[in-house]
Amino acid sequence: FMDSAFNLMQASFSDR
């Protein structure tokens, strides 16, 4: 997993 992909996923979780 790349940092970019993780960053995008984390943003989605944080948004929730």
C-alpha atoms as a PDB file:
ATOM      1  CA  PHE A   1       0.000   0.000   0.000  1.00  0.00           C
ATOM      2  CA  MET A   2       1.293   3.464  -0.854  1.00  0.00           C
ATOM      3  CA  ASP A   3       1.148   6.475   1.438  1.00  0.00           C
ATOM      4  CA  SER A   4      -1.070   8.242  -1.104  1.00  0.00           C
ATOM      5  CA  ALA A   5      -3.648   5.454  -1.089  1.00  0.00           C
ATOM      6  CA  PHE A   6      -3.560   5.235   2.705  1.00  0.00           C
ATOM      7  CA  ASN A   7      -3.949   8.995   2.990  1.00  0.00           C
ATOM      8  CA  LEU A   8      -7.069   8.856   0.830  1.00  0.00           C
ATOM      9  CA  MET A   9      -8.530   6.000   2.850  1.00  0.00           C
ATOM     10  CA  GLN A  10      -7.758   7.711   6.156  1.00  0.00           C
ATOM     11  CA  ALA A  11      -9.472  10.885   4.931  1.00  0.00           C
ATOM     12  CA  SER A  12     -12.621   8.870   4.210  1.00  0.00           C
ATOM     13  CA  PHE A  13     -12.547   7.344   7.699  1.00  0.00           C
ATOM     14  CA  SER A  14     -11.896  10.709   9.318  1.00  0.00           C
ATOM     15  CA  ASP A  15     -14.759  12.265   7.354  1.00  0.00           C
ATOM     16  CA  ARG A  16     -17.064   9.663   8.875  1.00  0.00           C
END
